[in-house]
Protein backbone atom coordinates (compact mmCIF):
# COMPACT_ATOMS: atom_id res chain seq x y z
CA MET A 1 85.72 115.37 114.60
CA SER A 2 82.96 113.27 116.44
CA GLU A 3 83.70 110.19 114.32
CA PRO A 4 87.60 109.85 114.05
CA HIS A 5 87.28 106.39 112.94
CA ARG A 6 85.46 107.49 109.62
CA TRP A 7 87.99 110.34 108.62
CA ARG A 8 89.18 110.33 105.15
CA SER A 9 91.60 112.70 103.68
CA GLU A 10 90.63 115.21 101.07
CA LEU A 11 93.74 114.51 99.12
CA LEU A 12 92.18 111.19 98.06
CA GLY A 13 89.42 113.14 96.00
CA GLU A 14 85.83 112.38 95.55
CA PRO A 15 84.25 109.71 97.73
CA LEU A 16 82.24 106.98 95.71
CA SER A 17 80.89 103.75 95.88
CA LEU A 18 80.18 100.65 94.08
CA GLU A 19 77.14 98.12 94.65
CA LEU A 20 78.63 94.85 94.34
CA VAL A 21 77.28 91.26 94.98
CA SER A 22 78.95 91.17 98.53
CA GLY A 23 77.55 94.35 99.43
CA THR A 24 78.86 98.26 99.04
CA LEU A 25 82.62 98.91 98.34
CA ASP A 26 83.78 102.63 98.93
CA TYR A 27 86.29 104.02 96.86
CA PHE A 28 87.94 107.42 96.01
CA GLU A 29 88.78 109.01 92.64
CA ARG A 30 91.07 112.06 91.75
CA GLY A 31 92.84 112.94 88.70
CA VAL A 32 92.82 111.85 84.99
CA GLY A 33 95.06 109.96 82.80
CA PRO A 34 96.07 106.36 82.91
CA ALA A 35 94.22 104.52 85.83
CA LEU A 36 95.79 103.46 88.98
CA LEU A 37 93.96 101.26 91.45
CA PHE A 38 95.27 101.15 94.85
CA SER A 39 94.82 98.43 97.53
CA HIS A 40 95.65 98.62 101.09
CA GLY A 41 96.11 95.81 103.87
CA TRP A 42 94.59 94.78 107.16
CA LEU A 43 93.70 97.42 109.55
CA ALA A 44 94.45 100.35 106.96
CA ASN A 45 92.23 101.90 104.18
CA ALA A 46 92.35 104.50 101.29
CA ASN A 47 93.99 106.90 103.57
CA LEU A 48 97.36 105.10 103.26
CA TRP A 49 97.42 106.57 99.59
CA ARG A 50 96.52 110.00 100.15
CA LYS A 51 100.01 111.62 99.83
CA VAL A 52 100.85 109.42 97.03
CA VAL A 53 97.47 110.23 95.06
CA ASP A 54 98.48 114.08 95.91
CA VAL A 55 101.47 113.68 93.81
CA LEU A 56 100.37 111.52 91.14
CA CYS A 57 96.79 113.00 90.40
CA ASP A 58 98.07 115.45 87.83
CA GLU A 59 99.22 112.75 85.32
CA PHE A 60 97.03 109.70 86.53
CA ARG A 61 93.38 108.84 87.39
CA CYS A 62 93.90 107.51 90.93
CA LEU A 63 91.42 105.13 92.52
CA ALA A 64 91.88 104.23 95.96
CA LEU A 65 89.90 101.38 97.31
CA ASP A 66 88.41 101.24 100.84
CA LEU A 67 88.46 97.18 101.25
CA PRO A 68 86.76 95.67 104.17
CA LEU A 69 89.79 94.75 106.15
CA GLY A 70 88.96 96.27 109.62
CA SER A 71 89.34 100.11 108.97
CA HIS A 72 86.72 100.56 106.42
CA ARG A 73 83.59 102.83 106.69
CA THR A 74 80.83 100.69 105.18
CA SER A 75 80.44 97.11 106.13
CA MET A 76 79.80 94.28 103.65
CA ASP A 77 76.89 92.11 103.72
CA ALA A 78 76.67 89.50 106.46
CA ASP A 79 77.11 86.76 104.04
CA ALA A 80 79.93 88.33 101.99
CA ASP A 81 82.90 85.90 101.12
CA LEU A 82 85.95 87.65 102.64
CA SER A 83 88.27 84.91 102.08
CA PRO A 84 91.37 85.57 100.20
CA ALA A 85 89.54 84.75 96.95
CA GLY A 86 86.63 86.75 98.05
CA VAL A 87 88.64 89.94 98.73
CA ALA A 88 90.65 89.34 95.60
CA GLY A 89 87.29 89.22 93.63
CA LEU A 90 86.31 92.74 94.93
CA ILE A 91 89.41 94.13 93.37
CA ALA A 92 88.64 92.30 90.18
CA ALA A 93 85.06 93.45 90.28
CA ALA A 94 85.90 96.98 90.95
CA ALA A 95 88.27 96.95 87.85
CA GLU A 96 85.31 95.59 85.75
CA ARG A 97 82.57 97.84 87.19
CA LEU A 98 84.72 100.86 86.53
CA ASN A 99 85.65 99.60 83.07
CA LEU A 100 89.17 100.27 83.64
CA ASP A 101 91.39 99.62 80.67
CA GLY A 102 95.30 99.49 80.89
CA VAL A 103 95.02 99.93 84.66
CA THR A 104 97.93 99.45 87.00
CA LEU A 105 97.33 97.57 90.15
CA VAL A 106 99.20 98.86 93.19
CA GLY A 107 99.16 97.01 96.41
CA ASN A 108 100.83 97.41 99.87
CA ASP A 109 100.99 94.96 102.70
CA SER A 110 98.23 92.41 102.30
CA GLY A 111 96.64 94.72 99.52
CA GLY A 112 99.63 93.51 97.57
CA ALA A 113 98.73 89.78 98.40
CA TYR A 114 95.15 90.36 97.33
CA SER A 115 96.22 91.87 94.15
CA GLN A 116 98.48 89.07 93.23
CA ILE A 117 95.56 86.51 94.06
CA ALA A 118 92.99 88.68 91.94
CA LEU A 119 95.41 88.49 88.77
CA ALA A 120 96.05 84.66 89.43
CA GLN A 121 92.25 83.81 89.93
CA HIS A 122 90.71 86.45 87.60
CA GLY A 123 93.11 86.25 84.55
CA GLU A 124 90.56 86.17 81.97
CA SER A 125 88.75 89.15 82.81
CA LEU A 126 91.81 91.14 84.61
CA GLY A 127 94.17 90.08 81.82
CA GLU A 128 92.37 92.27 79.29
CA ARG A 129 92.31 95.31 81.96
CA VAL A 130 95.40 95.15 83.88
CA SER A 131 98.65 96.51 82.03
CA ARG A 132 101.19 96.55 85.02
CA LEU A 133 101.46 95.38 88.63
CA VAL A 134 103.22 97.47 91.37
CA LEU A 135 103.77 95.67 94.83
CA THR A 136 105.02 97.85 97.80
CA SER A 137 106.29 95.76 100.72
CA CYS A 138 103.85 92.93 100.83
CA GLU A 139 103.69 89.15 100.84
CA THR A 140 105.62 87.32 98.23
CA PRO A 141 105.75 83.51 97.31
CA TYR A 142 108.46 83.36 99.99
CA ASP A 143 106.73 84.92 102.90
CA GLU A 144 104.20 83.41 105.33
CA TRP A 145 100.63 85.00 105.38
CA PRO A 146 100.34 86.62 107.88
CA PRO A 147 104.03 87.15 108.75
CA GLU A 148 105.27 87.45 112.11
CA PRO A 149 104.43 89.29 114.46
CA PHE A 150 100.97 89.18 113.18
CA ASP A 151 100.88 85.24 112.61
CA GLY A 152 98.45 84.81 115.56
CA LEU A 153 95.72 86.97 114.08
CA PRO A 154 93.90 84.09 112.09
CA GLU A 155 93.39 82.24 115.41
CA ALA A 156 92.34 84.95 117.16
CA ALA A 157 89.75 86.10 114.53
CA ARG A 158 88.02 82.60 114.70
CA ASP A 159 86.11 84.19 117.65
CA PRO A 160 85.21 87.75 116.46
CA GLN A 161 84.36 88.72 120.19
CA ALA A 162 87.94 87.76 121.08
CA LEU A 163 89.40 89.62 118.09
CA GLY A 164 87.39 92.77 119.05
CA GLN A 165 88.65 92.71 122.80
CA LEU A 166 92.27 92.31 121.09
CA LEU A 167 91.76 95.23 118.76
CA SER A 168 90.15 97.40 121.16
CA ALA A 169 93.54 97.90 122.80
CA LEU A 170 94.28 100.08 119.88
CA GLU A 171 92.33 102.80 121.30
CA ASN A 172 95.40 103.45 123.27
CA PRO A 173 97.98 105.33 121.24
CA ALA A 174 100.80 103.87 123.14
CA VAL A 175 99.69 100.23 122.19
CA ARG A 176 99.55 101.38 118.52
CA ALA A 177 103.12 101.98 118.72
CA LEU A 178 104.23 98.64 119.80
CA PRO A 179 105.91 96.13 117.39
CA VAL A 180 102.63 93.74 117.58
CA ALA A 181 100.58 96.69 116.24
CA TYR A 182 101.97 99.35 113.86
CA GLY A 183 105.50 99.74 115.40
CA LEU A 184 107.05 97.67 112.73
CA LEU A 185 104.91 98.97 109.86
CA ALA A 186 105.36 102.72 110.08
CA LYS A 187 108.92 104.18 110.88
CA HIS A 188 107.62 107.86 111.13
CA PRO A 189 104.84 109.11 113.29
CA LEU A 190 101.43 108.80 111.50
CA GLU A 191 99.07 111.80 111.37
CA ALA A 192 96.70 111.49 114.24
CA GLU A 193 93.63 111.54 111.77
CA ALA A 194 95.09 108.86 109.66
CA PHE A 195 96.19 106.72 112.69
CA HIS A 196 92.75 106.96 114.12
CA SER A 197 91.16 106.04 111.10
CA TYR A 198 93.41 102.80 110.79
CA ALA A 199 93.23 101.78 114.50
CA LEU A 200 89.58 102.48 115.69
CA PRO A 201 86.97 101.18 113.18
CA ALA A 202 86.99 97.43 114.16
CA SER A 203 86.37 98.20 118.04
CA ARG A 204 83.85 100.93 117.22
CA ASP A 205 81.60 99.19 114.57
CA GLU A 206 80.39 95.54 114.75
CA GLY A 207 80.05 95.27 111.21
CA VAL A 208 83.47 96.24 110.50
CA LEU A 209 84.72 93.80 113.18
CA ARG A 210 82.77 91.06 111.30
CA ASP A 211 84.33 91.62 108.18
CA VAL A 212 87.73 91.77 109.36
CA ALA A 213 87.44 88.61 111.39
CA LYS A 214 86.28 86.69 108.32
CA ALA A 215 89.34 88.22 106.45
CA MET A 216 91.92 87.35 108.99
CA ALA A 217 90.34 84.12 110.05
CA SER A 218 90.53 82.78 106.32
CA ALA A 219 94.13 84.02 105.38
CA SER A 220 96.86 81.54 104.89
CA THR A 221 100.10 81.07 103.00
CA ALA A 222 98.73 78.81 100.18
CA PRO A 223 96.67 81.20 98.08
CA VAL A 224 99.33 83.96 97.90
CA ARG A 225 102.13 81.37 97.16
CA ALA A 226 100.03 79.88 94.42
CA ALA A 227 99.29 83.36 92.86
CA GLY A 228 103.05 84.20 92.96
CA GLU A 229 103.95 81.16 91.23
CA HIS A 230 101.18 81.72 88.67
CA LEU A 231 102.66 85.09 87.87
CA ILE A 232 106.27 83.61 87.74
CA ALA A 233 105.06 80.98 85.28
CA ASP A 234 103.08 83.43 83.06
CA GLY A 235 105.92 86.07 83.07
CA SER A 236 104.48 88.59 80.78
CA LEU A 237 103.02 91.10 83.02
CA PRO A 238 105.39 93.95 83.91
CA THR A 239 105.80 94.27 87.54
CA LEU A 240 107.53 96.83 89.78
CA LEU A 241 108.40 96.09 93.44
CA ILE A 242 108.90 99.02 95.56
CA TRP A 243 110.78 98.06 99.04
CA SER A 244 111.81 99.38 101.97
CA ASN A 245 115.27 98.11 102.50
CA GLU A 246 114.63 98.37 106.32
CA ASP A 247 111.60 96.17 106.19
CA GLU A 248 111.49 93.70 109.10
CA VAL A 249 108.03 92.29 108.38
CA PHE A 250 108.53 91.78 104.49
CA PRO A 251 112.28 91.17 104.10
CA LEU A 252 114.05 92.76 101.14
CA ALA A 253 115.84 89.44 100.26
CA HIS A 254 112.35 87.98 99.43
CA ALA A 255 111.58 90.82 97.01
CA GLU A 256 114.84 90.55 95.44
CA ARG A 257 114.21 86.68 94.83
CA TYR A 258 110.83 87.52 93.56
CA ALA A 259 111.96 90.20 91.15
CA ALA A 260 114.60 87.77 89.89
CA ALA A 261 111.95 85.03 89.31
CA LEU A 262 109.49 87.18 87.42
CA GLN A 263 110.57 87.60 83.87
CA ASN A 264 109.62 91.19 83.50
CA ALA A 265 109.96 92.83 86.83
CA SER A 266 112.13 95.50 88.51
CA LEU A 267 112.90 96.43 92.17
CA VAL A 268 113.23 100.12 93.59
CA GLN A 269 114.54 100.24 97.08
CA ILE A 270 113.06 102.90 99.52
CA GLU A 271 115.21 104.08 102.22
CA ASP A 272 114.07 105.36 105.79
CA SER A 273 111.03 103.49 105.55
CA PHE A 274 109.25 100.31 107.17
CA SER A 275 106.39 98.55 105.44
CA PHE A 276 104.06 101.49 105.13
CA THR A 277 106.14 103.12 102.43
CA PRO A 278 103.15 105.15 101.23
CA GLU A 279 103.16 106.74 104.68
CA ASP A 280 106.94 106.83 105.21
CA GLN A 281 108.23 108.02 101.79
CA PRO A 282 105.11 109.01 99.67
CA THR A 283 107.02 111.10 97.34
CA ALA A 284 109.92 108.56 96.41
CA VAL A 285 106.90 105.83 96.02
CA ALA A 286 104.95 108.24 93.78
CA ALA A 287 108.14 108.89 91.75
CA ALA A 288 108.81 105.16 91.35
CA ILE A 289 105.04 104.49 90.27
CA SER A 290 105.24 107.50 87.74
CA SER A 291 108.19 106.41 86.04
CA PHE A 292 106.96 102.89 85.65
CA ALA A 293 103.44 103.60 84.59
CA ALA A 294 103.66 106.57 82.52
C-alpha cells in the first residue's frame, strides 16, 4: 500500500464522516441493532476495534470513531479545541449527530478517559442517549493521566516539532516494541497494517501532528478524576469494566476499586493481554460487551 499510515480494516464497515464545529470527524459503521460507540486512545485509531466489531456486528450497530489523537486520517481545523473537554465534546457531538438512542459508550486507553469526561460534562444531552458504559483498560480516578511511562508526553507536546521528532522514531518497528512505545500496551504482535496505521500518521502528516500535540499537551489528571467522581456520585449508569489482569499501565487494583465505588458496575478480567485488550483478546472483549449490552 502506498500510504500504509492511512489503512483501515474492511472489518470496521463503511467509512463515513461527520462535519462538526471543530472539523471533520471520520467514523466507521457496521451492523444493525443496539448501538455501540467505540473510542480509542492516543496513537491508535478505529482499527483497534476491527476484530471486536467483526464479532459483534451481527447483533449490534457498531460505530468506531477515528478521534484526532495522532493516528487519524483527517486532521481537524487548525483552531479546534482538543483539550480533554474538547475531545470529549467530539464524542458527545457524534452521539447527537448520529441521533443515537440507548447507546453504549465503549472506550479503551485514553478513549476511556474521554468517554468518562464526555458523560460528566455533557450529562444533559448524553444522559438521554447513553444507556451503558464500557471501560477497557483505561484511566480511572485513581490513575495519573497520562500514566507512566507516557507521563513525559504532555511536556514534549508543548513543542510540536519536538514531539514530531520523538514520534518519528516509531518509523522503526524495533522502537515500537519498546516499553516507552507500544511494548506495554500490546502483549501479542500487532498485524503490520494496523501497527503502521497507529505508529506512522503523526510523523507523516503535519495536521495530524498538530492535533495530537494539542491533545497531549492539554492532558492532565484533574479532568478524568473529576469525571470519575461525578460518575461515582451519580451512580445510576450501568458500567462494565473489562480489564487485563496483566496490565502494567492501568493496574487491575484500580479497576477493582473503581468498580466497587460505582453503584452499578461489574468487572470482567481478561487473561493473556496487556492494555490493548481489543487487540490481544478481541473475542473475549466482544463476549463481555455482548453479554452486558444485549
